[in-house]
Amino acid sequence: MNVRRREDAFAIAACELGLAIAIFGVGLFDGPFWMAGLATCAMLAYWTWTRRAILNRLRGAAWASQTSLAIAVIIAIMGGSYWVGLGVGGHL
């Protein structure tokens, strides 16, 4: 009997939050921008891995539109985390 394990939504959200906090920390301690880019690439890879079952069901334009929207949102969130970290780091 094959039992497929479902990933816990809270665990996925916690990992995504952890990556956003890591990028905030890079900005807070005035880390180089390439470190934020590296963490963003890790976040994109994690997102595609955790959503692979859903993404495999989509075809053509639906897959492209959902994936491009998600990539844009992830980049915006990660960029915002880095920017807020830079701003907070300058005031502490």
Protein backbone atom coordinates (compact mmCIF):
# COMPACT_ATOMS: atom_id res chain seq x y z
CA MET A 1 0.00 0.00 0.00
CA ASN A 2 1.43 3.32 -1.05
CA VAL A 3 0.68 6.10 1.39
CA ARG A 4 1.63 9.53 0.22
CA ARG A 5 2.66 11.86 3.01
CA ARG A 6 1.08 15.30 2.91
CA GLU A 7 3.26 18.15 4.00
CA ASP A 8 1.99 20.24 6.86
CA ALA A 9 0.96 23.72 5.76
CA PHE A 10 2.26 25.26 8.99
CA ALA A 11 5.70 23.71 8.48
CA ILE A 12 5.86 25.10 4.95
CA ALA A 13 4.78 28.55 6.15
CA ALA A 14 7.35 28.43 8.97
CA CYS A 15 10.15 27.64 6.52
CA GLU A 16 9.07 30.47 4.23
CA LEU A 17 8.92 32.86 7.20
CA GLY A 18 12.37 31.68 8.28
CA LEU A 19 13.84 32.56 4.89
CA ALA A 20 12.21 36.01 4.99
CA ILE A 21 13.63 36.58 8.48
CA ALA A 22 17.05 35.45 7.27
CA ILE A 23 16.99 38.05 4.50
CA PHE A 24 15.83 40.64 7.04
CA GLY A 25 18.88 39.70 9.11
CA VAL A 26 21.15 40.14 6.11
CA GLY A 27 19.81 43.66 5.66
CA LEU A 28 19.89 44.38 9.38
CA PHE A 29 23.57 43.57 9.65
CA ASP A 30 24.35 45.30 6.33
CA GLY A 31 25.22 42.10 4.52
CA PRO A 32 26.01 42.06 0.82
CA PHE A 33 23.14 42.11 -1.63
CA TRP A 34 24.24 38.85 -3.25
CA MET A 35 23.44 37.04 0.01
CA ALA A 36 19.86 38.26 -0.24
CA GLY A 37 19.78 37.10 -3.85
CA LEU A 38 21.07 33.69 -2.85
CA ALA A 39 18.39 33.35 -0.17
CA THR A 40 15.75 34.46 -2.68
CA CYS A 41 16.89 31.75 -5.10
CA ALA A 42 16.64 29.24 -2.23
CA MET A 43 13.13 30.48 -1.50
CA LEU A 44 12.11 30.08 -5.16
CA ALA A 45 13.50 26.54 -5.22
CA TYR A 46 11.67 25.70 -1.98
CA TRP A 47 8.44 27.17 -3.34
CA THR A 48 8.60 25.10 -6.53
CA TRP A 49 9.40 21.93 -4.54
CA THR A 50 6.53 22.34 -2.09
CA ARG A 51 4.01 23.25 -4.82
CA ARG A 52 5.11 20.64 -7.36
CA ALA A 53 1.93 18.54 -7.09
CA ILE A 54 -0.26 21.55 -7.81
CA LEU A 55 2.00 22.94 -10.51
CA ASN A 56 2.10 19.58 -12.31
CA ARG A 57 -1.69 19.68 -12.68
CA LEU A 58 -1.64 23.05 -14.43
CA ARG A 59 -1.05 23.31 -18.15
CA GLY A 60 0.09 26.05 -20.50
CA ALA A 61 -1.06 29.56 -19.78
CA ALA A 62 -2.41 28.74 -16.31
CA TRP A 63 0.97 27.32 -15.24
CA ALA A 64 2.87 30.28 -16.70
CA SER A 65 0.62 32.92 -15.17
CA GLN A 66 0.53 31.36 -11.70
CA THR A 67 4.28 30.72 -11.65
CA SER A 68 5.22 34.20 -12.88
CA LEU A 69 2.88 35.85 -10.37
CA ALA A 70 4.33 33.76 -7.54
CA ILE A 71 7.91 34.57 -8.58
CA ALA A 72 7.13 38.28 -8.68
CA VAL A 73 5.49 38.16 -5.23
CA ILE A 74 8.36 36.17 -3.70
CA ILE A 75 10.95 38.57 -5.10
CA ALA A 76 8.94 41.54 -3.80
CA ILE A 77 8.63 40.03 -0.32
CA MET A 78 12.30 39.15 -0.14
CA GLY A 79 13.37 42.54 -1.47
CA GLY A 80 11.11 44.23 1.05
CA SER A 81 12.56 42.16 3.88
CA TYR A 82 16.09 43.16 2.88
CA TRP A 83 15.09 46.82 2.52
CA VAL A 84 13.34 46.92 5.90
CA GLY A 85 16.38 45.24 7.46
CA LEU A 86 18.62 47.93 5.99
CA GLY A 87 16.32 50.65 7.33
CA VAL A 88 16.07 49.18 10.81
CA GLY A 89 19.81 48.50 10.93
CA GLY A 90 20.55 52.17 10.32
CA HIS A 91 18.44 53.24 13.31
CA LEU A 92 19.69 50.79 15.94
